[in-house]
């Protein structure tokens, strides 16, 4: 199950096409080059960066994924995730991603 954040954070190069990407993901279509920034599946991590095409794998169809952001490519996903983490730390002094983005 995919849960979309109401305040989705977008990378610069995906802003113009993010609605089409979300629609394609909801329809279960193959999407190459797009990364999802999500709450971590492992509590030891801060965030997960998931290639959108992996959502077609059975393991993701059985999991709950809360998507906080979208990016075009891995490098952009890394930059967006780093900015998200930086914002949380600057505003709270900690790394409680779930508490901050709630």
PDB file of N, CA and C in Angstrom:
ATOM      1  N   UNK A   1       0.841  -1.178   0.000  1.00  0.00           N
ATOM      2  CA  UNK A   1       0.000   0.000   0.000  1.00  0.00           C
ATOM      3  C   UNK A   1       0.888   1.245   0.000  1.00  0.00           C
ATOM      4  N   UNK A   2       0.576   2.159  -0.858  1.00  0.00           N
ATOM      5  CA  UNK A   2       1.332   3.401  -0.952  1.00  0.00           C
ATOM      6  C   UNK A   2       0.528   4.530  -0.319  1.00  0.00           C
ATOM      7  N   UNK A   3       1.184   5.246   0.572  1.00  0.00           N
ATOM      8  CA  UNK A   3       0.585   6.423   1.206  1.00  0.00           C
ATOM      9  C   UNK A   3       1.380   7.631   0.730  1.00  0.00           C
ATOM     10  N   UNK A   4       0.700   8.606   0.185  1.00  0.00           N
ATOM     11  CA  UNK A   4       1.341   9.804  -0.342  1.00  0.00           C
ATOM     12  C   UNK A   4       1.258  10.944   0.673  1.00  0.00           C
ATOM     13  N   UNK A   5       2.360  11.574   0.942  1.00  0.00           N
ATOM     14  CA  UNK A   5       2.374  12.730   1.835  1.00  0.00           C
ATOM     15  C   UNK A   5       1.560  13.865   1.210  1.00  0.00           C
ATOM     16  N   UNK A   6       0.842  14.590   2.036  1.00  0.00           N
ATOM     17  CA  UNK A   6       0.074  15.733   1.538  1.00  0.00           C
ATOM     18  C   UNK A   6       1.001  16.849   1.058  1.00  0.00           C
ATOM     19  N   UNK A   7       2.174  16.952   1.662  1.00  0.00           N
ATOM     20  CA  UNK A   7       3.157  17.975   1.298  1.00  0.00           C
ATOM     21  C   UNK A   7       4.358  17.315   0.637  1.00  0.00           C
ATOM     22  N   UNK A   8       4.131  16.717  -0.506  1.00  0.00           N
ATOM     23  CA  UNK A   8       5.162  16.002  -1.238  1.00  0.00           C
ATOM     24  C   UNK A   8       6.316  16.938  -1.597  1.00  0.00           C
ATOM     25  N   UNK A   9       7.524  16.503  -1.303  1.00  0.00           N
ATOM     26  CA  UNK A   9       8.715  17.289  -1.611  1.00  0.00           C
ATOM     27  C   UNK A   9       9.257  16.798  -2.950  1.00  0.00           C
ATOM     28  N   UNK A  10       9.479  17.740  -3.867  1.00  0.00           N
ATOM     29  CA  UNK A  10       9.855  17.381  -5.230  1.00  0.00           C
ATOM     30  C   UNK A  10      11.235  17.903  -5.584  1.00  0.00           C
ATOM     31  N   UNK A  11      11.973  17.079  -6.333  1.00  0.00           N
ATOM     32  CA  UNK A  11      13.231  17.531  -6.902  1.00  0.00           C
ATOM     33  C   UNK A  11      12.943  18.517  -8.021  1.00  0.00           C
ATOM     34  N   UNK A  12      13.893  19.357  -8.317  1.00  0.00           N
ATOM     35  CA  UNK A  12      13.702  20.407  -9.325  1.00  0.00           C
ATOM     36  C   UNK A  12      13.289  19.873 -10.697  1.00  0.00           C
ATOM     37  N   UNK A  13      13.902  18.776 -11.135  1.00  0.00           N
ATOM     38  CA  UNK A  13      13.646  18.311 -12.502  1.00  0.00           C
ATOM     39  C   UNK A  13      12.387  17.461 -12.642  1.00  0.00           C
ATOM     40  N   UNK A  14      11.709  17.175 -11.542  1.00  0.00           N
ATOM     41  CA  UNK A  14      10.488  16.372 -11.638  1.00  0.00           C
ATOM     42  C   UNK A  14       9.228  17.206 -11.406  1.00  0.00           C
ATOM     43  N   UNK A  15       9.398  18.458 -11.032  1.00  0.00           N
ATOM     44  CA  UNK A  15       8.250  19.302 -10.682  1.00  0.00           C
ATOM     45  C   UNK A  15       7.197  19.388 -11.780  1.00  0.00           C
ATOM     46  N   UNK A  16       7.626  19.504 -13.021  1.00  0.00           N
ATOM     47  CA  UNK A  16       6.665  19.677 -14.119  1.00  0.00           C
ATOM     48  C   UNK A  16       5.899  18.401 -14.458  1.00  0.00           C
ATOM     49  N   UNK A  17       6.480  17.255 -14.141  1.00  0.00           N
ATOM     50  CA  UNK A  17       5.820  16.003 -14.533  1.00  0.00           C
ATOM     51  C   UNK A  17       5.397  15.139 -13.352  1.00  0.00           C
ATOM     52  N   UNK A  18       5.441  15.679 -12.141  1.00  0.00           N
ATOM     53  CA  UNK A  18       5.167  14.835 -10.975  1.00  0.00           C
ATOM     54  C   UNK A  18       3.742  14.273 -10.957  1.00  0.00           C
ATOM     55  N   UNK A  19       2.776  15.008 -11.466  1.00  0.00           N
ATOM     56  CA  UNK A  19       1.401  14.491 -11.479  1.00  0.00           C
ATOM     57  C   UNK A  19       1.280  13.266 -12.397  1.00  0.00           C
ATOM     58  N   UNK A  20       1.949  13.320 -13.537  1.00  0.00           N
ATOM     59  CA  UNK A  20       1.940  12.174 -14.456  1.00  0.00           C
ATOM     60  C   UNK A  20       2.640  10.975 -13.828  1.00  0.00           C
ATOM     61  N   UNK A  21       3.724  11.244 -13.124  1.00  0.00           N
ATOM     62  CA  UNK A  21       4.469  10.170 -12.462  1.00  0.00           C
ATOM     63  C   UNK A  21       3.614   9.516 -11.380  1.00  0.00           C
ATOM     64  N   UNK A  22       2.965  10.321 -10.559  1.00  0.00           N
ATOM     65  CA  UNK A  22       2.100   9.787  -9.498  1.00  0.00           C
ATOM     66  C   UNK A  22       0.981   8.939 -10.104  1.00  0.00           C
ATOM     67  N   UNK A  23       0.378   9.436 -11.164  1.00  0.00           N
ATOM     68  CA  UNK A  23      -0.687   8.701 -11.843  1.00  0.00           C
ATOM     69  C   UNK A  23      -0.170   7.351 -12.354  1.00  0.00           C
ATOM     70  N   UNK A  24       0.999   7.359 -12.970  1.00  0.00           N
ATOM     71  CA  UNK A  24       1.584   6.115 -13.498  1.00  0.00           C
ATOM     72  C   UNK A  24       1.878   5.132 -12.370  1.00  0.00           C
ATOM     73  N   UNK A  25       2.395   5.639 -11.258  1.00  0.00           N
ATOM     74  CA  UNK A  25       2.678   4.761 -10.117  1.00  0.00           C
ATOM     75  C   UNK A  25       1.383   4.150  -9.593  1.00  0.00           C
ATOM     76  N   UNK A  26       0.351   4.956  -9.470  1.00  0.00           N
ATOM     77  CA  UNK A  26      -0.933   4.455  -8.977  1.00  0.00           C
ATOM     78  C   UNK A  26      -1.524   3.402  -9.911  1.00  0.00           C
ATOM     79  N   UNK A  27      -1.247   3.511 -11.201  1.00  0.00           N
ATOM     80  CA  UNK A  27      -1.745   2.546 -12.184  1.00  0.00           C
ATOM     81  C   UNK A  27      -0.845   1.319 -12.307  1.00  0.00           C
ATOM     82  N   UNK A  28       0.290   1.318 -11.591  1.00  0.00           N
ATOM     83  CA  UNK A  28       1.195   0.174 -11.627  1.00  0.00           C
ATOM     84  C   UNK A  28       2.031   0.087 -12.882  1.00  0.00           C
ATOM     85  N   UNK A  29       2.313   1.220 -13.479  1.00  0.00           N
ATOM     86  CA  UNK A  29       3.111   1.235 -14.711  1.00  0.00           C
ATOM     87  C   UNK A  29       4.603   1.298 -14.398  1.00  0.00           C
ATOM     88  N   UNK A  30       5.388   0.790 -15.337  1.00  0.00           N
ATOM     89  CA  UNK A  30       6.847   0.810 -15.244  1.00  0.00           C
ATOM     90  C   UNK A  30       7.336   2.239 -15.432  1.00  0.00           C
ATOM     91  N   UNK A  31       8.120   2.728 -14.471  1.00  0.00           N
ATOM     92  CA  UNK A  31       8.671   4.079 -14.559  1.00  0.00           C
ATOM     93  C   UNK A  31      10.168   3.981 -14.332  1.00  0.00           C
ATOM     94  N   UNK A  32      10.923   4.437 -15.282  1.00  0.00           N
ATOM     95  CA  UNK A  32      12.368   4.371 -15.184  1.00  0.00           C
ATOM     96  C   UNK A  32      12.943   5.733 -14.800  1.00  0.00           C
ATOM     97  N   UNK A  33      13.942   5.723 -13.930  1.00  0.00           N
ATOM     98  CA  UNK A  33      14.662   6.937 -13.585  1.00  0.00           C
ATOM     99  C   UNK A  33      14.074   7.755 -12.449  1.00  0.00           C
ATOM    100  N   UNK A  34      12.891   7.426 -11.990  1.00  0.00           N
ATOM    101  CA  UNK A  34      12.245   8.177 -10.909  1.00  0.00           C
ATOM    102  C   UNK A  34      12.519   7.464  -9.587  1.00  0.00           C
ATOM    103  N   UNK A  35      12.827   8.259  -8.576  1.00  0.00           N
ATOM    104  CA  UNK A  35      13.064   7.719  -7.236  1.00  0.00           C
ATOM    105  C   UNK A  35      12.042   8.272  -6.258  1.00  0.00           C
ATOM    106  N   UNK A  36      11.650   7.425  -5.326  1.00  0.00           N
ATOM    107  CA  UNK A  36      10.731   7.806  -4.266  1.00  0.00           C
ATOM    108  C   UNK A  36      11.540   7.986  -2.988  1.00  0.00           C
ATOM    109  N   UNK A  37      11.227   9.014  -2.249  1.00  0.00           N
ATOM    110  CA  UNK A  37      11.856   9.234  -0.958  1.00  0.00           C
ATOM    111  C   UNK A  37      10.784   8.912   0.074  1.00  0.00           C
ATOM    112  N   UNK A  38      11.080   7.920   0.917  1.00  0.00           N
ATOM    113  CA  UNK A  38      10.049   7.384   1.818  1.00  0.00           C
ATOM    114  C   UNK A  38      10.589   7.212   3.236  1.00  0.00           C
ATOM    115  N   UNK A  39       9.637   7.066   4.172  1.00  0.00           N
ATOM    116  CA  UNK A  39      10.042   6.691   5.521  1.00  0.00           C
ATOM    117  C   UNK A  39      10.822   5.389   5.419  1.00  0.00           C
ATOM    118  N   UNK A  40      11.802   5.204   6.286  1.00  0.00           N
ATOM    119  CA  UNK A  40      12.650   4.012   6.165  1.00  0.00           C
ATOM    120  C   UNK A  40      11.945   2.721   6.561  1.00  0.00           C
ATOM    121  N   UNK A  41      12.276   1.674   5.855  1.00  0.00           N
ATOM    122  CA  UNK A  41      11.767   0.347   6.196  1.00  0.00           C
ATOM    123  C   UNK A  41      12.575  -0.244   7.350  1.00  0.00           C
ATOM    124  N   UNK A  42      13.779   0.253   7.550  1.00  0.00           N
ATOM    125  CA  UNK A  42      14.661  -0.171   8.633  1.00  0.00           C
ATOM    126  C   UNK A  42      14.805   0.996   9.602  1.00  0.00           C
ATOM    127  N   UNK A  43      14.470   0.821  10.868  1.00  0.00           N
ATOM    128  CA  UNK A  43      14.527   1.938  11.817  1.00  0.00           C
ATOM    129  C   UNK A  43      15.921   2.533  12.007  1.00  0.00           C
ATOM    130  N   UNK A  44      16.958   1.822  11.581  1.00  0.00           N
ATOM    131  CA  UNK A  44      18.319   2.340  11.695  1.00  0.00           C
ATOM    132  C   UNK A  44      18.630   3.386  10.617  1.00  0.00           C
ATOM    133  N   UNK A  45      17.784   3.479   9.604  1.00  0.00           N
ATOM    134  CA  UNK A  45      17.990   4.437   8.514  1.00  0.00           C
ATOM    135  C   UNK A  45      17.156   5.690   8.745  1.00  0.00           C
ATOM    136  N   UNK A  46      17.527   6.772   8.056  1.00  0.00           N
ATOM    137  CA  UNK A  46      16.752   8.007   8.142  1.00  0.00           C
ATOM    138  C   UNK A  46      15.647   8.039   7.095  1.00  0.00           C
ATOM    139  N   UNK A  47      15.967   7.662   5.866  1.00  0.00           N
ATOM    140  CA  UNK A  47      15.006   7.641   4.756  1.00  0.00           C
ATOM    141  C   UNK A  47      15.347   6.485   3.827  1.00  0.00           C
ATOM    142  N   UNK A  48      14.384   6.078   3.022  1.00  0.00           N
ATOM    143  CA  UNK A  48      14.628   5.115   1.951  1.00  0.00           C
ATOM    144  C   UNK A  48      14.547   5.834   0.616  1.00  0.00           C
ATOM    145  N   UNK A  49      15.441   5.495  -0.289  1.00  0.00           N
ATOM    146  CA  UNK A  49      15.385   5.961  -1.674  1.00  0.00           C
ATOM    147  C   UNK A  49      15.057   4.740  -2.516  1.00  0.00           C
ATOM    148  N   UNK A  50      13.879   4.747  -3.112  1.00  0.00           N
ATOM    149  CA  UNK A  50      13.381   3.568  -3.819  1.00  0.00           C
ATOM    150  C   UNK A  50      13.166   3.903  -5.296  1.00  0.00           C
ATOM    151  N   UNK A  51      13.827   3.179  -6.204  1.00  0.00           N
ATOM    152  CA  UNK A  51      13.512   3.373  -7.620  1.00  0.00           C
ATOM    153  C   UNK A  51      12.043   3.019  -7.867  1.00  0.00           C
ATOM    154  N   UNK A  52      11.323   3.878  -8.538  1.00  0.00           N
ATOM    155  CA  UNK A  52       9.885   3.668  -8.758  1.00  0.00           C
ATOM    156  C   UNK A  52       9.596   2.344  -9.459  1.00  0.00           C
ATOM    157  N   UNK A  53      10.478   1.897 -10.331  1.00  0.00           N
ATOM    158  CA  UNK A  53      10.236   0.641 -11.039  1.00  0.00           C
ATOM    159  C   UNK A  53      10.196  -0.559 -10.089  1.00  0.00           C
ATOM    160  N   UNK A  54      10.802  -0.429  -8.891  1.00  0.00           N
ATOM    161  CA  UNK A  54      10.789  -1.526  -7.934  1.00  0.00           C
ATOM    162  C   UNK A  54       9.414  -1.739  -7.305  1.00  0.00           C
ATOM    163  N   UNK A  55       8.532  -0.769  -7.429  1.00  0.00           N
ATOM    164  CA  UNK A  55       7.190  -0.925  -6.871  1.00  0.00           C
ATOM    165  C   UNK A  55       6.424  -2.061  -7.544  1.00  0.00           C
ATOM    166  N   UNK A  56       6.906  -2.499  -8.685  1.00  0.00           N
ATOM    167  CA  UNK A  56       6.261  -3.609  -9.389  1.00  0.00           C
ATOM    168  C   UNK A  56       6.614  -4.959  -8.776  1.00  0.00           C
ATOM    169  N   UNK A  57       7.652  -5.003  -7.924  1.00  0.00           N
ATOM    170  CA  UNK A  57       8.062  -6.252  -7.295  1.00  0.00           C
ATOM    171  C   UNK A  57       7.076  -6.626  -6.186  1.00  0.00           C
ATOM    172  N   UNK A  58       6.804  -7.905  -6.027  1.00  0.00           N
ATOM    173  CA  UNK A  58       5.817  -8.346  -5.026  1.00  0.00           C
ATOM    174  C   UNK A  58       6.091  -7.862  -3.604  1.00  0.00           C
ATOM    175  N   UNK A  59       7.354  -7.757  -3.213  1.00  0.00           N
ATOM    176  CA  UNK A  59       7.656  -7.348  -1.837  1.00  0.00           C
ATOM    177  C   UNK A  59       7.087  -5.960  -1.530  1.00  0.00           C
ATOM    178  N   UNK A  60       7.106  -5.063  -2.500  1.00  0.00           N
ATOM    179  CA  UNK A  60       6.582  -3.720  -2.277  1.00  0.00           C
ATOM    180  C   UNK A  60       5.054  -3.691  -2.313  1.00  0.00           C
ATOM    181  N   UNK A  61       4.465  -4.632  -3.007  1.00  0.00           N
ATOM    182  CA  UNK A  61       3.007  -4.679  -3.064  1.00  0.00           C
ATOM    183  C   UNK A  61       2.415  -5.117  -1.732  1.00  0.00           C
ATOM    184  N   UNK A  62       3.223  -5.808  -0.913  1.00  0.00           N
ATOM    185  CA  UNK A  62       2.762  -6.266   0.392  1.00  0.00           C
ATOM    186  C   UNK A  62       3.144  -5.310   1.518  1.00  0.00           C
ATOM    187  N   UNK A  63       3.953  -4.316   1.206  1.00  0.00           N
ATOM    188  CA  UNK A  63       4.452  -3.398   2.227  1.00  0.00           C
ATOM    189  C   UNK A  63       3.706  -2.078   2.207  1.00  0.00           C
ATOM    190  N   UNK A  64       3.718  -1.412   3.341  1.00  0.00           N
ATOM    191  CA  UNK A  64       3.180  -0.055   3.411  1.00  0.00           C
ATOM    192  C   UNK A  64       4.345   0.908   3.195  1.00  0.00           C
ATOM    193  N   UNK A  65       4.220   1.766   2.204  1.00  0.00           N
ATOM    194  CA  UNK A  65       5.267   2.725   1.881  1.00  0.00           C
ATOM    195  C   UNK A  65       4.661   4.119   1.969  1.00  0.00           C
ATOM    196  N   UNK A  66       5.249   4.937   2.824  1.00  0.00           N
ATOM    197  CA  UNK A  66       4.786   6.316   2.974  1.00  0.00           C
ATOM    198  C   UNK A  66       5.772   7.210   2.221  1.00  0.00           C
ATOM    199  N   UNK A  67       5.317   7.764   1.106  1.00  0.00           N
ATOM    200  CA  UNK A  67       6.192   8.546   0.235  1.00  0.00           C
ATOM    201  C   UNK A  67       6.163  10.011   0.646  1.00  0.00           C
ATOM    202  N   UNK A  68       7.352  10.533   0.895  1.00  0.00           N
ATOM    203  CA  UNK A  68       7.516  11.939   1.285  1.00  0.00           C
ATOM    204  C   UNK A  68       7.956  12.812   0.123  1.00  0.00           C
ATOM    205  N   UNK A  69       8.626  12.205  -0.872  1.00  0.00           N
ATOM    206  CA  UNK A  69       9.141  13.006  -1.974  1.00  0.00           C
ATOM    207  C   UNK A  69       9.387  12.196  -3.228  1.00  0.00           C
ATOM    208  N   UNK A  70       9.585  12.925  -4.317  1.00  0.00           N
ATOM    209  CA  UNK A  70       9.890  12.345  -5.630  1.00  0.00           C
ATOM    210  C   UNK A  70      11.079  13.064  -6.227  1.00  0.00           C
ATOM    211  N   UNK A  71      11.887  12.315  -6.960  1.00  0.00           N
ATOM    212  CA  UNK A  71      13.044  12.913  -7.617  1.00  0.00           C
ATOM    213  C   UNK A  71      13.291  12.206  -8.945  1.00  0.00           C
ATOM    214  N   UNK A  72      13.929  12.922  -9.835  1.00  0.00           N
ATOM    215  CA  UNK A  72      14.283  12.384 -11.135  1.00  0.00           C
ATOM    216  C   UNK A  72      15.747  11.958 -11.083  1.00  0.00           C
ATOM    217  N   UNK A  73      15.985  10.678 -10.903  1.00  0.00           N
ATOM    218  CA  UNK A  73      17.343  10.155 -10.842  1.00  0.00           C
ATOM    219  C   UNK A  73      17.862  10.030  -9.421  1.00  0.00           C
ATOM    220  N   UNK A  74      18.854   9.166  -9.265  1.00  0.00           N
ATOM    221  CA  UNK A  74      19.387   8.879  -7.940  1.00  0.00           C
ATOM    222  C   UNK A  74      20.099  10.082  -7.327  1.00  0.00           C
ATOM    223  N   UNK A  75      20.875  10.802  -8.116  1.00  0.00           N
ATOM    224  CA  UNK A  75      21.606  11.970  -7.593  1.00  0.00           C
ATOM    225  C   UNK A  75      20.638  13.021  -7.048  1.00  0.00           C
ATOM    226  N   UNK A  76      19.571  13.295  -7.794  1.00  0.00           N
ATOM    227  CA  UNK A  76      18.593  14.264  -7.320  1.00  0.00           C
ATOM    228  C   UNK A  76      17.901  13.739  -6.059  1.00  0.00           C
ATOM    229  N   UNK A  77      17.604  12.454  -6.005  1.00  0.00           N
ATOM    230  CA  UNK A  77      16.980  11.867  -4.816  1.00  0.00           C
ATOM    231  C   UNK A  77      17.895  12.025  -3.603  1.00  0.00           C
ATOM    232  N   UNK A  78      19.180  11.824  -3.805  1.00  0.00           N
ATOM    233  CA  UNK A  78      20.138  12.000  -2.711  1.00  0.00           C
ATOM    234  C   UNK A  78      20.175  13.450  -2.236  1.00  0.00           C
ATOM    235  N   UNK A  79      20.133  14.392  -3.176  1.00  0.00           N
ATOM    236  CA  UNK A  79      20.134  15.819  -2.805  1.00  0.00           C
ATOM    237  C   UNK A  79      18.865  16.197  -2.048  1.00  0.00           C
ATOM    238  N   UNK A  80      17.729  15.750  -2.543  1.00  0.00           N
ATOM    239  CA  UNK A  80      16.452  16.067  -1.891  1.00  0.00           C
ATOM    240  C   UNK A  80      16.417  15.450  -0.486  1.00  0.00           C
ATOM    241  N   UNK A  81      16.837  14.204  -0.360  1.00  0.00           N
ATOM    242  CA  UNK A  81      16.847  13.542   0.953  1.00  0.00           C
ATOM    243  C   UNK A  81      17.794  14.268   1.913  1.00  0.00           C
ATOM    244  N   UNK A  82      18.944  14.677   1.416  1.00  0.00           N
ATOM    245  CA  UNK A  82      19.902  15.405   2.262  1.00  0.00           C
ATOM    246  C   UNK A  82      19.306  16.723   2.741  1.00  0.00           C
ATOM    247  N   UNK A  83      18.611  17.420   1.868  1.00  0.00           N
ATOM    248  CA  UNK A  83      17.964  18.685   2.255  1.00  0.00           C
ATOM    249  C   UNK A  83      16.868  18.449   3.285  1.00  0.00           C
ATOM    250  N   UNK A  84      16.126  17.368   3.126  1.00  0.00           N
ATOM    251  CA  UNK A  84      15.078  17.033   4.087  1.00  0.00           C
ATOM    252  C   UNK A  84      15.682  16.764   5.467  1.00  0.00           C
ATOM    253  N   UNK A  85      16.741  15.988   5.496  1.00  0.00           N
ATOM    254  CA  UNK A  85      17.411  15.652   6.754  1.00  0.00           C
ATOM    255  C   UNK A  85      18.008  16.912   7.391  1.00  0.00           C
ATOM    256  N   UNK A  86      18.618  17.735   6.559  1.00  0.00           N
ATOM    257  CA  UNK A  86      19.206  18.991   7.047  1.00  0.00           C
ATOM    258  C   UNK A  86      18.122  19.885   7.676  1.00  0.00           C
ATOM    259  N   UNK A  87      16.981  19.986   7.013  1.00  0.00           N
ATOM    260  CA  UNK A  87      15.875  20.799   7.532  1.00  0.00           C
ATOM    261  C   UNK A  87      15.401  20.281   8.884  1.00  0.00           C
ATOM    262  N   UNK A  88      15.239  18.980   8.994  1.00  0.00           N
ATOM    263  CA  UNK A  88      14.795  18.393  10.257  1.00  0.00           C
ATOM    264  C   UNK A  88      15.800  18.707  11.366  1.00  0.00           C
ATOM    265  N   UNK A  89      17.079  18.546  11.062  1.00  0.00           N
ATOM    266  CA  UNK A  89      18.101  18.797  12.080  1.00  0.00           C
ATOM    267  C   UNK A  89      18.150  20.274  12.481  1.00  0.00           C
ATOM    268  N   UNK A  90      18.076  21.166  11.491  1.00  0.00           N
ATOM    269  CA  UNK A  90      18.134  22.599  11.790  1.00  0.00           C
ATOM    270  C   UNK A  90      16.936  23.064  12.619  1.00  0.00           C
ATOM    271  N   UNK A  91      15.779  22.516  12.343  1.00  0.00           N
ATOM    272  CA  UNK A  91      14.562  22.959  13.043  1.00  0.00           C
ATOM    273  C   UNK A  91      14.360  22.281  14.393  1.00  0.00           C
ATOM    274  N   UNK A  92      14.890  21.056  14.544  1.00  0.00           N
ATOM    275  CA  UNK A  92      14.601  20.301  15.768  1.00  0.00           C
ATOM    276  C   UNK A  92      15.835  19.935  16.579  1.00  0.00           C
ATOM    277  N   UNK A  93      17.009  19.996  15.958  1.00  0.00           N
ATOM    278  CA  UNK A  93      18.230  19.573  16.650  1.00  0.00           C
ATOM    279  C   UNK A  93      18.381  18.064  16.704  1.00  0.00           C
ATOM    280  N   UNK A  94      17.527  17.348  15.998  1.00  0.00           N
ATOM    281  CA  UNK A  94      17.584  15.888  15.973  1.00  0.00           C
ATOM    282  C   UNK A  94      17.261  15.346  14.600  1.00  0.00           C
ATOM    283  N   UNK A  95      17.069  14.049  14.546  1.00  0.00           N
ATOM    284  CA  UNK A  95      16.821  13.384  13.265  1.00  0.00           C
ATOM    285  C   UNK A  95      15.531  12.580  13.281  1.00  0.00           C
ATOM    286  N   UNK A  96      14.544  13.067  13.979  1.00  0.00           N
ATOM    287  CA  UNK A  96      13.262  12.350  14.065  1.00  0.00           C
ATOM    288  C   UNK A  96      12.403  12.711  12.851  1.00  0.00           C
ATOM    289  N   UNK A  97      12.702  12.045  11.759  1.00  0.00           N
ATOM    290  CA  UNK A  97      12.047  12.311  10.468  1.00  0.00           C
ATOM    291  C   UNK A  97      10.527  12.113  10.571  1.00  0.00           C
ATOM    292  N   UNK A  98      10.096  11.020  11.160  1.00  0.00           N
ATOM    293  CA  UNK A  98       8.656  10.729  11.267  1.00  0.00           C
ATOM    294  C   UNK A  98       7.927  11.773  12.105  1.00  0.00           C
ATOM    295  N   UNK A  99       8.545  12.191  13.180  1.00  0.00           N
ATOM    296  CA  UNK A  99       7.910  13.216  14.026  1.00  0.00           C
ATOM    297  C   UNK A  99       7.781  14.552  13.278  1.00  0.00           C
ATOM    298  N   UNK A 100       8.815  14.891  12.523  1.00  0.00           N
ATOM    299  CA  UNK A 100       8.841  16.176  11.838  1.00  0.00           C
ATOM    300  C   UNK A 100       7.848  16.234  10.674  1.00  0.00           C
ATOM    301  N   UNK A 101       7.883  15.196   9.829  1.00  0.00           N
ATOM    302  CA  UNK A 101       7.019  15.189   8.649  1.00  0.00           C
ATOM    303  C   UNK A 101       5.642  14.596   8.941  1.00  0.00           C
ATOM    304  N   UNK A 102       5.539  13.901  10.063  1.00  0.00           N
ATOM    305  CA  UNK A 102       4.307  13.327  10.580  1.00  0.00           C
ATOM    306  C   UNK A 102       3.284  13.002   9.623  1.00  0.00           C
TER     307      UNK A 102
END
